[in-house]
N, C-alpha and C. Protein backbone atom coordinates (compact mmCIF):
# COMPACT_ATOMS: atom_id res chain seq x y z
N UNK A 1 59.14 -110.12 62.54
CA UNK A 1 60.01 -109.03 62.09
C UNK A 1 59.62 -108.60 60.66
N UNK A 2 59.34 -107.30 60.52
CA UNK A 2 58.98 -106.80 59.19
C UNK A 2 60.25 -106.60 58.37
N UNK A 3 60.34 -107.25 57.23
CA UNK A 3 61.54 -107.08 56.41
C UNK A 3 61.19 -106.71 54.98
N UNK A 4 60.07 -106.01 54.83
CA UNK A 4 59.71 -105.47 53.51
C UNK A 4 59.39 -103.98 53.66
N UNK A 5 59.46 -103.27 52.55
CA UNK A 5 59.08 -101.86 52.54
C UNK A 5 58.50 -101.53 51.17
N UNK A 6 57.79 -100.42 51.08
CA UNK A 6 57.22 -100.00 49.80
C UNK A 6 57.88 -98.70 49.34
N UNK A 7 58.13 -98.63 48.04
CA UNK A 7 58.67 -97.41 47.45
C UNK A 7 58.08 -97.28 46.05
N UNK A 8 58.52 -96.25 45.31
CA UNK A 8 58.01 -96.15 43.93
C UNK A 8 59.07 -96.64 42.95
N UNK A 9 58.58 -97.19 41.85
CA UNK A 9 59.46 -97.85 40.89
C UNK A 9 60.28 -96.84 40.08
N UNK A 10 59.64 -95.74 39.70
CA UNK A 10 60.33 -94.72 38.89
C UNK A 10 59.65 -93.37 39.10
N UNK A 11 60.28 -92.27 38.65
CA UNK A 11 59.67 -90.96 38.86
C UNK A 11 58.29 -90.83 38.22
N UNK A 12 57.43 -90.05 38.88
CA UNK A 12 56.11 -89.72 38.36
C UNK A 12 56.07 -88.21 38.18
N UNK A 13 55.68 -87.75 37.01
CA UNK A 13 55.84 -86.33 36.72
C UNK A 13 54.57 -85.66 36.21
N UNK A 14 54.58 -84.33 36.36
CA UNK A 14 53.58 -83.45 35.74
C UNK A 14 52.13 -83.81 36.02
N UNK A 15 51.81 -84.07 37.28
CA UNK A 15 50.41 -84.18 37.69
C UNK A 15 49.97 -82.77 38.04
N UNK A 16 48.84 -82.32 37.49
CA UNK A 16 48.42 -80.93 37.68
C UNK A 16 47.11 -80.84 38.44
N UNK A 17 47.11 -79.99 39.50
CA UNK A 17 45.91 -79.67 40.26
C UNK A 17 45.73 -78.15 40.22
N UNK A 18 44.50 -77.70 39.94
CA UNK A 18 44.23 -76.27 39.87
C UNK A 18 43.20 -75.86 40.93
N UNK A 19 43.40 -74.66 41.49
CA UNK A 19 42.43 -74.11 42.44
C UNK A 19 42.52 -72.59 42.39
N UNK A 20 41.44 -71.93 42.02
CA UNK A 20 41.36 -70.45 41.93
C UNK A 20 42.55 -69.85 41.18
N UNK A 21 42.79 -70.37 40.00
CA UNK A 21 43.86 -69.89 39.10
C UNK A 21 45.28 -70.29 39.52
N UNK A 22 45.46 -70.78 40.76
CA UNK A 22 46.78 -71.30 41.13
C UNK A 22 46.95 -72.69 40.52
N UNK A 23 48.16 -72.96 40.05
CA UNK A 23 48.48 -74.29 39.49
C UNK A 23 49.48 -74.99 40.40
N UNK A 24 49.21 -76.26 40.67
CA UNK A 24 50.09 -77.07 41.52
C UNK A 24 50.54 -78.29 40.71
N UNK A 25 51.84 -78.37 40.43
CA UNK A 25 52.39 -79.52 39.70
C UNK A 25 53.02 -80.48 40.70
N UNK A 26 52.57 -81.73 40.69
CA UNK A 26 53.07 -82.73 41.63
C UNK A 26 54.07 -83.68 41.00
N UNK A 27 55.15 -83.94 41.72
CA UNK A 27 56.21 -84.84 41.26
C UNK A 27 56.57 -85.83 42.37
N UNK A 28 56.87 -87.05 42.00
CA UNK A 28 57.37 -88.04 42.96
C UNK A 28 58.63 -88.69 42.38
N UNK A 29 59.66 -88.82 43.22
CA UNK A 29 60.93 -89.41 42.79
C UNK A 29 61.40 -90.46 43.80
N UNK A 30 61.93 -91.59 43.31
CA UNK A 30 62.61 -92.51 44.24
C UNK A 30 63.98 -91.91 44.59
N UNK A 31 64.31 -91.87 45.88
CA UNK A 31 65.61 -91.32 46.32
C UNK A 31 66.15 -92.15 47.48
N UNK A 32 67.48 -92.16 47.61
CA UNK A 32 68.09 -92.86 48.75
C UNK A 32 69.09 -91.98 49.49
N UNK A 33 69.20 -90.70 49.10
CA UNK A 33 70.13 -89.80 49.78
C UNK A 33 69.65 -88.36 49.66
N UNK A 34 70.14 -87.51 50.58
CA UNK A 34 69.79 -86.09 50.52
C UNK A 34 70.41 -85.41 49.30
N UNK A 35 71.52 -85.96 48.81
CA UNK A 35 72.15 -85.41 47.60
C UNK A 35 71.20 -85.55 46.41
N UNK A 36 70.52 -86.71 46.33
CA UNK A 36 69.55 -86.90 45.25
C UNK A 36 68.38 -85.94 45.39
N UNK A 37 67.94 -85.72 46.63
CA UNK A 37 66.85 -84.77 46.88
C UNK A 37 67.23 -83.40 46.33
N UNK A 38 68.44 -82.93 46.68
CA UNK A 38 68.89 -81.60 46.24
C UNK A 38 68.97 -81.51 44.72
N UNK A 39 69.44 -82.58 44.08
CA UNK A 39 69.57 -82.59 42.62
C UNK A 39 68.20 -82.46 41.95
N UNK A 40 67.21 -83.21 42.45
CA UNK A 40 65.85 -83.12 41.87
C UNK A 40 65.25 -81.73 42.08
N UNK A 41 65.46 -81.16 43.26
CA UNK A 41 64.93 -79.81 43.53
C UNK A 41 65.56 -78.78 42.60
N UNK A 42 66.87 -78.89 42.39
CA UNK A 42 67.56 -77.95 41.49
C UNK A 42 67.02 -78.07 40.07
N UNK A 43 66.79 -79.31 39.61
CA UNK A 43 66.25 -79.52 38.27
C UNK A 43 64.87 -78.90 38.13
N UNK A 44 64.03 -79.09 39.16
CA UNK A 44 62.66 -78.55 39.08
C UNK A 44 62.66 -77.02 39.15
N UNK A 45 63.60 -76.45 39.88
CA UNK A 45 63.67 -74.98 39.94
C UNK A 45 64.11 -74.39 38.60
N UNK A 46 64.92 -75.15 37.86
CA UNK A 46 65.29 -74.71 36.50
C UNK A 46 64.10 -74.86 35.56
N UNK A 47 63.41 -75.99 35.67
CA UNK A 47 62.26 -76.27 34.79
C UNK A 47 61.12 -75.29 35.04
N UNK A 48 60.87 -75.00 36.32
CA UNK A 48 59.76 -74.12 36.70
C UNK A 48 60.32 -72.83 37.32
N UNK A 49 61.20 -72.15 36.58
CA UNK A 49 61.89 -70.99 37.16
C UNK A 49 60.95 -69.81 37.45
N UNK A 50 59.74 -69.82 36.86
CA UNK A 50 58.81 -68.73 37.11
C UNK A 50 57.79 -69.05 38.21
N UNK A 51 57.90 -70.23 38.80
CA UNK A 51 56.97 -70.61 39.87
C UNK A 51 57.26 -69.81 41.13
N UNK A 52 56.30 -69.84 42.07
CA UNK A 52 56.44 -69.07 43.32
C UNK A 52 56.98 -69.93 44.46
N UNK A 53 56.56 -71.20 44.49
CA UNK A 53 56.96 -72.08 45.60
C UNK A 53 57.29 -73.48 45.09
N UNK A 54 58.31 -74.08 45.73
CA UNK A 54 58.68 -75.48 45.44
C UNK A 54 58.66 -76.22 46.78
N UNK A 55 57.49 -76.65 47.18
CA UNK A 55 57.31 -77.27 48.50
C UNK A 55 57.53 -78.78 48.38
N UNK A 56 58.05 -79.39 49.44
CA UNK A 56 58.39 -80.81 49.32
C UNK A 56 58.40 -81.52 50.65
N UNK A 57 58.42 -82.84 50.56
CA UNK A 57 58.66 -83.71 51.72
C UNK A 57 59.37 -84.95 51.21
N UNK A 58 60.26 -85.49 52.04
CA UNK A 58 60.93 -86.75 51.68
C UNK A 58 61.03 -87.65 52.89
N UNK A 59 61.16 -88.93 52.61
CA UNK A 59 61.42 -89.92 53.65
C UNK A 59 62.42 -90.93 53.09
N UNK A 60 63.46 -91.18 53.87
CA UNK A 60 64.52 -92.10 53.44
C UNK A 60 64.78 -93.11 54.55
N UNK A 61 64.96 -94.37 54.19
CA UNK A 61 65.26 -95.43 55.15
C UNK A 61 64.32 -96.59 54.97
N UNK A 62 64.90 -97.77 54.76
CA UNK A 62 64.08 -98.95 54.52
C UNK A 62 63.46 -99.48 55.82
N UNK A 63 64.27 -99.47 56.87
CA UNK A 63 63.82 -99.99 58.17
C UNK A 63 63.07 -98.89 58.91
N UNK A 64 61.87 -99.20 59.39
CA UNK A 64 61.02 -98.18 60.04
C UNK A 64 61.72 -97.49 61.21
N UNK A 65 62.57 -98.23 61.93
CA UNK A 65 63.23 -97.66 63.11
C UNK A 65 64.25 -96.59 62.75
N UNK A 66 64.79 -96.64 61.54
CA UNK A 66 65.89 -95.74 61.18
C UNK A 66 65.52 -94.78 60.05
N UNK A 67 64.25 -94.51 59.87
CA UNK A 67 63.84 -93.62 58.79
C UNK A 67 64.05 -92.16 59.16
N UNK A 68 64.42 -91.37 58.15
CA UNK A 68 64.55 -89.93 58.33
C UNK A 68 63.54 -89.26 57.40
N UNK A 69 63.03 -88.10 57.81
CA UNK A 69 62.15 -87.38 56.91
C UNK A 69 62.33 -85.88 57.09
N UNK A 70 61.88 -85.13 56.11
CA UNK A 70 61.89 -83.67 56.20
C UNK A 70 60.71 -83.13 55.39
N UNK A 71 60.12 -82.06 55.88
CA UNK A 71 59.04 -81.39 55.17
C UNK A 71 59.38 -79.91 55.09
N UNK A 72 59.15 -79.29 53.93
CA UNK A 72 59.54 -77.90 53.73
C UNK A 72 58.38 -77.12 53.09
N UNK A 73 57.98 -76.01 53.75
CA UNK A 73 56.87 -75.19 53.24
C UNK A 73 57.32 -74.18 52.18
N UNK A 74 58.62 -73.96 52.06
CA UNK A 74 59.20 -73.05 51.07
C UNK A 74 58.43 -71.73 50.95
N UNK A 75 58.24 -71.06 52.08
CA UNK A 75 57.63 -69.73 52.05
C UNK A 75 56.11 -69.71 52.20
N UNK A 76 55.46 -70.84 52.08
CA UNK A 76 54.02 -70.90 52.35
C UNK A 76 53.81 -70.83 53.88
N UNK A 77 52.57 -70.51 54.33
CA UNK A 77 52.34 -70.47 55.78
C UNK A 77 52.75 -71.78 56.45
N UNK A 78 53.22 -71.67 57.69
CA UNK A 78 53.76 -72.83 58.42
C UNK A 78 52.80 -74.02 58.42
N UNK A 79 53.33 -75.17 58.05
CA UNK A 79 52.61 -76.45 58.04
C UNK A 79 51.45 -76.53 57.03
N UNK A 80 51.43 -75.60 56.07
CA UNK A 80 50.35 -75.64 55.08
C UNK A 80 50.73 -76.42 53.82
N UNK A 81 52.01 -76.77 53.69
CA UNK A 81 52.46 -77.42 52.44
C UNK A 81 53.28 -78.69 52.70
N UNK A 82 54.42 -78.52 53.38
CA UNK A 82 55.33 -79.67 53.58
C UNK A 82 54.69 -80.81 54.34
N UNK A 83 54.02 -80.50 55.45
CA UNK A 83 53.42 -81.57 56.26
C UNK A 83 52.22 -82.25 55.57
N UNK A 84 51.35 -81.51 54.86
CA UNK A 84 50.32 -82.21 54.08
C UNK A 84 50.91 -83.16 53.02
N UNK A 85 52.04 -82.75 52.43
CA UNK A 85 52.71 -83.64 51.46
C UNK A 85 53.25 -84.87 52.19
N UNK A 86 53.91 -84.63 53.34
CA UNK A 86 54.46 -85.76 54.10
C UNK A 86 53.35 -86.69 54.59
N UNK A 87 52.20 -86.11 54.91
CA UNK A 87 51.06 -86.93 55.34
C UNK A 87 50.66 -87.96 54.30
N UNK A 88 50.81 -87.62 53.02
CA UNK A 88 50.48 -88.57 51.95
C UNK A 88 51.55 -89.67 51.84
N UNK A 89 52.80 -89.31 52.10
CA UNK A 89 53.87 -90.33 52.15
C UNK A 89 53.52 -91.36 53.22
N UNK A 90 53.06 -90.87 54.39
CA UNK A 90 52.67 -91.77 55.47
C UNK A 90 51.42 -92.58 55.10
N UNK A 91 50.47 -91.90 54.48
CA UNK A 91 49.20 -92.55 54.13
C UNK A 91 49.41 -93.70 53.14
N UNK A 92 50.33 -93.50 52.18
CA UNK A 92 50.62 -94.55 51.20
C UNK A 92 51.67 -95.53 51.70
N UNK A 93 52.24 -95.25 52.89
CA UNK A 93 53.23 -96.12 53.53
C UNK A 93 54.42 -96.41 52.62
N UNK A 94 55.01 -95.34 52.06
CA UNK A 94 56.15 -95.48 51.16
C UNK A 94 57.38 -94.80 51.78
N UNK A 95 58.54 -95.24 51.35
CA UNK A 95 59.79 -94.64 51.82
C UNK A 95 60.77 -94.56 50.65
N UNK A 96 61.96 -94.02 50.92
CA UNK A 96 62.93 -93.75 49.85
C UNK A 96 62.25 -92.96 48.74
N UNK A 97 61.61 -91.86 49.14
CA UNK A 97 60.79 -91.09 48.20
C UNK A 97 60.88 -89.60 48.49
N UNK A 98 60.80 -88.82 47.42
CA UNK A 98 60.70 -87.37 47.49
C UNK A 98 59.45 -86.95 46.71
N UNK A 99 58.62 -86.12 47.32
CA UNK A 99 57.48 -85.54 46.61
C UNK A 99 57.64 -84.03 46.62
N UNK A 100 57.57 -83.43 45.44
CA UNK A 100 57.66 -81.98 45.30
C UNK A 100 56.38 -81.48 44.65
N UNK A 101 55.82 -80.41 45.21
CA UNK A 101 54.67 -79.75 44.58
C UNK A 101 55.10 -78.32 44.25
N UNK A 102 55.05 -77.99 42.97
CA UNK A 102 55.47 -76.68 42.47
C UNK A 102 54.21 -75.82 42.28
N UNK A 103 54.20 -74.63 42.89
CA UNK A 103 53.01 -73.78 42.80
C UNK A 103 53.26 -72.51 41.99
N UNK A 104 52.36 -72.28 41.04
CA UNK A 104 52.29 -71.00 40.34
C UNK A 104 51.10 -70.25 40.94
N UNK A 105 51.36 -69.09 41.52
CA UNK A 105 50.30 -68.32 42.18
C UNK A 105 49.38 -67.71 41.13
N UNK A 106 48.07 -67.85 41.35
CA UNK A 106 47.10 -67.38 40.35
C UNK A 106 46.46 -66.05 40.67
N UNK A 107 46.97 -65.37 41.71
CA UNK A 107 46.43 -64.04 42.02
C UNK A 107 45.36 -64.03 43.08
N UNK A 108 44.84 -65.20 43.45
CA UNK A 108 43.80 -65.28 44.49
C UNK A 108 44.35 -66.11 45.64
N UNK A 109 44.31 -65.54 46.85
CA UNK A 109 44.81 -66.28 48.02
C UNK A 109 43.84 -67.41 48.37
N UNK A 110 44.40 -68.56 48.72
CA UNK A 110 43.57 -69.73 49.02
C UNK A 110 43.29 -69.89 50.51
N UNK A 111 44.05 -69.20 51.35
CA UNK A 111 43.92 -69.40 52.79
C UNK A 111 44.63 -70.69 53.20
N UNK A 112 44.92 -70.80 54.49
CA UNK A 112 45.67 -71.97 54.97
C UNK A 112 44.93 -73.28 54.66
N UNK A 113 43.63 -73.30 54.91
CA UNK A 113 42.85 -74.52 54.64
C UNK A 113 42.89 -74.90 53.17
N UNK A 114 42.78 -73.90 52.30
CA UNK A 114 42.84 -74.16 50.86
C UNK A 114 44.20 -74.68 50.43
N UNK A 115 45.25 -74.12 51.02
CA UNK A 115 46.61 -74.57 50.70
C UNK A 115 46.84 -76.01 51.15
N UNK A 116 46.40 -76.32 52.38
CA UNK A 116 46.56 -77.69 52.89
C UNK A 116 45.90 -78.68 51.94
N UNK A 117 44.67 -78.36 51.52
CA UNK A 117 43.94 -79.24 50.61
C UNK A 117 44.67 -79.37 49.27
N UNK A 118 45.16 -78.25 48.74
CA UNK A 118 45.82 -78.27 47.43
C UNK A 118 47.11 -79.08 47.45
N UNK A 119 47.93 -78.87 48.49
CA UNK A 119 49.21 -79.60 48.55
C UNK A 119 48.98 -81.09 48.84
N UNK A 120 48.01 -81.37 49.70
CA UNK A 120 47.68 -82.77 49.99
C UNK A 120 47.19 -83.47 48.72
N UNK A 121 46.27 -82.82 48.00
CA UNK A 121 45.70 -83.43 46.78
C UNK A 121 46.77 -83.63 45.71
N UNK A 122 47.65 -82.64 45.55
CA UNK A 122 48.72 -82.77 44.53
C UNK A 122 49.66 -83.92 44.86
N UNK A 123 50.00 -84.05 46.15
CA UNK A 123 50.88 -85.16 46.57
C UNK A 123 50.17 -86.50 46.35
N UNK A 124 48.90 -86.55 46.70
CA UNK A 124 48.11 -87.78 46.51
C UNK A 124 48.06 -88.17 45.03
N UNK A 125 47.84 -87.19 44.16
CA UNK A 125 47.77 -87.45 42.71
C UNK A 125 49.12 -87.95 42.19
N UNK A 126 50.22 -87.36 42.70
CA UNK A 126 51.56 -87.80 42.26
C UNK A 126 51.79 -89.25 42.66
N UNK A 127 51.35 -89.62 43.87
CA UNK A 127 51.52 -91.01 44.33
C UNK A 127 50.60 -91.97 43.57
N UNK A 128 49.39 -91.54 43.29
CA UNK A 128 48.45 -92.38 42.52
C UNK A 128 48.95 -92.60 41.11
N UNK A 129 49.76 -91.65 40.62
CA UNK A 129 50.32 -91.74 39.27
C UNK A 129 51.62 -92.54 39.25
N UNK A 130 52.05 -93.04 40.41
CA UNK A 130 53.31 -93.78 40.53
C UNK A 130 53.04 -95.28 40.64
N UNK A 131 54.00 -96.06 40.18
CA UNK A 131 53.93 -97.50 40.39
C UNK A 131 54.62 -97.81 41.72
N UNK A 132 53.82 -98.26 42.71
CA UNK A 132 54.37 -98.57 44.03
C UNK A 132 54.76 -100.05 44.08
N UNK A 133 55.99 -100.31 44.51
CA UNK A 133 56.49 -101.69 44.55
C UNK A 133 56.90 -102.06 45.98
N UNK A 134 56.79 -103.35 46.28
CA UNK A 134 57.22 -103.86 47.59
C UNK A 134 58.59 -104.52 47.43
N UNK A 135 59.52 -104.18 48.31
CA UNK A 135 60.87 -104.76 48.25
C UNK A 135 61.25 -105.33 49.61
N UNK A 136 62.22 -106.23 49.59
CA UNK A 136 62.68 -106.81 50.85
C UNK A 136 63.83 -105.98 51.42
N UNK A 137 63.91 -105.97 52.75
CA UNK A 137 65.06 -105.35 53.43
C UNK A 137 66.12 -106.44 53.56
N UNK A 138 67.28 -106.21 52.96
CA UNK A 138 68.33 -107.22 52.92
C UNK A 138 69.55 -106.77 53.72
N UNK A 139 70.28 -107.76 54.20
CA UNK A 139 71.58 -107.50 54.82
C UNK A 139 72.66 -108.10 53.93
N UNK A 140 73.80 -107.43 53.85
CA UNK A 140 74.89 -107.88 52.98
C UNK A 140 76.02 -108.45 53.83
N UNK A 141 76.52 -109.62 53.42
CA UNK A 141 77.63 -110.27 54.12
C UNK A 141 78.80 -110.48 53.17
N UNK A 142 80.00 -110.38 53.74
CA UNK A 142 81.22 -110.76 53.01
C UNK A 142 81.66 -112.13 53.51
N UNK A 143 81.82 -113.06 52.59
CA UNK A 143 82.32 -114.40 52.93
C UNK A 143 83.75 -114.50 52.41
N UNK A 144 84.67 -114.82 53.29
CA UNK A 144 86.10 -114.83 52.95
C UNK A 144 86.63 -116.25 53.19
N UNK A 145 87.26 -116.83 52.18
CA UNK A 145 87.72 -118.22 52.30
C UNK A 145 88.81 -118.50 51.26
N UNK A 146 89.52 -119.61 51.46
CA UNK A 146 90.52 -120.05 50.48
C UNK A 146 89.85 -120.94 49.43
N UNK A 147 90.49 -121.04 48.28
CA UNK A 147 89.88 -121.74 47.15
C UNK A 147 89.40 -123.16 47.47
N UNK A 148 90.12 -123.95 48.26
CA UNK A 148 89.64 -125.32 48.54
C UNK A 148 88.25 -125.38 49.19
N UNK A 149 87.84 -124.28 49.85
CA UNK A 149 86.51 -124.26 50.51
C UNK A 149 85.39 -123.83 49.56
N UNK A 150 85.74 -123.60 48.31
CA UNK A 150 84.75 -123.09 47.33
C UNK A 150 83.49 -123.96 47.24
N UNK A 151 83.67 -125.28 47.16
CA UNK A 151 82.52 -126.17 46.97
C UNK A 151 81.50 -126.06 48.10
N UNK A 152 81.99 -126.06 49.33
CA UNK A 152 81.05 -126.03 50.47
C UNK A 152 80.34 -124.67 50.55
N UNK A 153 81.07 -123.59 50.25
CA UNK A 153 80.46 -122.26 50.26
C UNK A 153 79.36 -122.17 49.19
N UNK A 154 79.69 -122.64 47.99
CA UNK A 154 78.72 -122.56 46.89
C UNK A 154 77.51 -123.46 47.15
N UNK A 155 77.75 -124.56 47.86
CA UNK A 155 76.63 -125.46 48.17
C UNK A 155 75.62 -124.78 49.10
N UNK A 156 76.13 -124.07 50.12
CA UNK A 156 75.24 -123.34 51.03
C UNK A 156 74.48 -122.25 50.27
N UNK A 157 75.20 -121.54 49.41
CA UNK A 157 74.57 -120.47 48.62
C UNK A 157 73.45 -121.04 47.74
N UNK A 158 73.72 -122.19 47.11
CA UNK A 158 72.73 -122.80 46.22
C UNK A 158 71.54 -123.35 47.00
N UNK A 159 71.82 -124.02 48.11
CA UNK A 159 70.75 -124.62 48.93
C UNK A 159 69.75 -123.58 49.41
N UNK A 160 70.26 -122.40 49.77
CA UNK A 160 69.39 -121.36 50.33
C UNK A 160 69.01 -120.29 49.31
N UNK A 161 69.38 -120.53 48.06
CA UNK A 161 69.04 -119.61 46.95
C UNK A 161 69.44 -118.17 47.29
N UNK A 162 70.68 -118.03 47.74
CA UNK A 162 71.18 -116.71 48.14
C UNK A 162 71.62 -115.90 46.92
N UNK A 163 71.49 -114.60 47.05
CA UNK A 163 71.83 -113.70 45.96
C UNK A 163 73.28 -113.21 46.10
N UNK A 164 74.12 -113.54 45.12
CA UNK A 164 75.51 -113.06 45.11
C UNK A 164 75.53 -111.68 44.46
N UNK A 165 75.99 -110.66 45.21
CA UNK A 165 76.03 -109.31 44.67
C UNK A 165 77.35 -109.01 43.96
N UNK A 166 78.44 -109.61 44.44
CA UNK A 166 79.72 -109.52 43.72
C UNK A 166 80.66 -110.58 44.27
N UNK A 167 81.69 -110.89 43.48
CA UNK A 167 82.63 -111.91 43.92
C UNK A 167 84.02 -111.66 43.35
N UNK A 168 85.00 -112.09 44.12
CA UNK A 168 86.40 -111.98 43.70
C UNK A 168 87.02 -113.34 43.99
N UNK A 169 87.16 -114.14 42.94
CA UNK A 169 87.57 -115.53 43.11
C UNK A 169 89.00 -115.75 42.62
N UNK A 170 89.83 -116.19 43.53
CA UNK A 170 91.21 -116.54 43.19
C UNK A 170 91.66 -117.53 44.23
N UNK A 171 92.94 -117.51 44.60
CA UNK A 171 93.38 -118.37 45.71
C UNK A 171 92.74 -117.87 47.01
N UNK A 172 92.62 -116.54 47.11
CA UNK A 172 91.98 -115.91 48.27
C UNK A 172 90.62 -115.38 47.79
N UNK A 173 89.53 -116.00 48.21
CA UNK A 173 88.20 -115.71 47.64
C UNK A 173 87.35 -114.83 48.55
N UNK A 174 86.60 -113.93 47.93
CA UNK A 174 85.59 -113.15 48.64
C UNK A 174 84.30 -113.17 47.83
N UNK A 175 83.22 -113.48 48.51
CA UNK A 175 81.90 -113.43 47.87
C UNK A 175 81.00 -112.57 48.75
N UNK A 176 80.27 -111.67 48.12
CA UNK A 176 79.31 -110.83 48.84
C UNK A 176 77.90 -111.31 48.52
N UNK A 177 77.11 -111.54 49.58
CA UNK A 177 75.74 -112.03 49.38
C UNK A 177 74.76 -111.09 50.09
N UNK A 178 73.56 -110.97 49.51
CA UNK A 178 72.49 -110.24 50.21
C UNK A 178 71.44 -111.24 50.65
N UNK A 179 70.98 -111.07 51.88
CA UNK A 179 70.07 -112.03 52.52
C UNK A 179 68.90 -111.26 53.13
N UNK A 180 67.70 -111.77 52.95
CA UNK A 180 66.54 -111.16 53.60
C UNK A 180 66.78 -111.06 55.10
N UNK A 181 66.38 -109.93 55.67
CA UNK A 181 66.68 -109.63 57.07
C UNK A 181 66.26 -110.76 58.02
N UNK A 182 65.08 -111.31 57.82
CA UNK A 182 64.60 -112.33 58.76
C UNK A 182 65.36 -113.65 58.66
N UNK A 183 66.08 -113.86 57.54
CA UNK A 183 66.86 -115.09 57.37
C UNK A 183 68.34 -114.87 57.67
N UNK A 184 68.73 -113.61 57.91
CA UNK A 184 70.15 -113.25 57.98
C UNK A 184 70.89 -113.97 59.11
N UNK A 185 70.30 -114.04 60.28
CA UNK A 185 70.99 -114.65 61.43
C UNK A 185 71.26 -116.13 61.18
N UNK A 186 70.28 -116.82 60.63
CA UNK A 186 70.41 -118.25 60.32
C UNK A 186 71.53 -118.50 59.30
N UNK A 187 71.57 -117.68 58.26
CA UNK A 187 72.60 -117.83 57.21
C UNK A 187 73.98 -117.52 57.79
N UNK A 188 74.05 -116.46 58.61
CA UNK A 188 75.32 -116.10 59.24
C UNK A 188 75.88 -117.28 60.03
N UNK A 189 75.03 -117.91 60.81
CA UNK A 189 75.46 -119.04 61.66
C UNK A 189 75.90 -120.24 60.82
N UNK A 190 75.23 -120.45 59.69
CA UNK A 190 75.61 -121.58 58.83
C UNK A 190 77.03 -121.43 58.29
N UNK A 191 77.36 -120.23 57.83
CA UNK A 191 78.72 -120.00 57.32
C UNK A 191 79.74 -119.96 58.45
N UNK A 192 79.34 -119.42 59.59
CA UNK A 192 80.26 -119.33 60.73
C UNK A 192 80.67 -120.72 61.22
N UNK A 193 79.79 -121.68 61.02
CA UNK A 193 80.04 -123.05 61.49
C UNK A 193 81.01 -123.81 60.59
N UNK A 194 81.30 -123.25 59.41
CA UNK A 194 82.18 -123.94 58.46
C UNK A 194 83.64 -123.58 58.77
N UNK A 195 84.46 -124.60 58.96
CA UNK A 195 85.89 -124.41 59.26
C UNK A 195 86.58 -123.69 58.10
N UNK A 196 87.43 -122.73 58.42
CA UNK A 196 88.21 -121.98 57.44
C UNK A 196 87.39 -121.01 56.58
N UNK A 197 86.15 -120.76 56.97
CA UNK A 197 85.34 -119.76 56.26
C UNK A 197 85.00 -118.63 57.24
N UNK A 198 85.30 -117.40 56.82
CA UNK A 198 84.97 -116.23 57.65
C UNK A 198 83.79 -115.49 57.02
N UNK A 199 82.89 -115.01 57.87
CA UNK A 199 81.76 -114.22 57.37
C UNK A 199 81.63 -112.98 58.24
N UNK A 200 81.37 -111.85 57.61
CA UNK A 200 81.12 -110.64 58.39
C UNK A 200 80.03 -109.81 57.73
N UNK A 201 79.27 -109.10 58.57
CA UNK A 201 78.19 -108.26 58.07
C UNK A 201 78.77 -106.95 57.59
N UNK A 202 78.30 -106.50 56.43
CA UNK A 202 78.74 -105.23 55.87
C UNK A 202 77.81 -104.11 56.34
N UNK A 203 78.37 -102.93 56.59
CA UNK A 203 77.54 -101.79 56.99
C UNK A 203 76.82 -101.23 55.79
N UNK A 204 75.64 -100.64 56.05
CA UNK A 204 74.90 -99.96 54.98
C UNK A 204 73.99 -100.88 54.24
């Protein structure tokens, strides 16, 4: 079971590719929602308000089975911009990412082949200018128990070096842990086997 994915560590900006007086500025952003995609696009349209096209592609989703993507040509000929950009996302095998290529028209038409090359190259340069990191796909569990069970719960957490994401400790205790996907079933069963301890998987 694959439980890792690759994404970029932080935004990569202002990579410039030129062809026949047209300028193509490439940007890459880490994103986890369509709202973030829209916000970055709005910012770039303000920054480059005199540009002709703001073409982009994004892919969101850590697990390969549940990934979503979109490619947008933004007025360029069909499949000459968005899909070449998305092709680089696939080529670099990254997700939770938005790549935008902003074009200033230089007065000379490039043709569909020229556009495909320009958008592909700009996306590639933006990715090469990014720090790509590998992360684990984790599942989050809520552990619910009374205070007397604290020692046994904490012992399991310590033994398996589990990551506590948040906790609410009182007479009625809740601890949230994140567990690597491939270890999640085993950890779930360990807590489920403890008397007076409830565990449930959190959505998202």
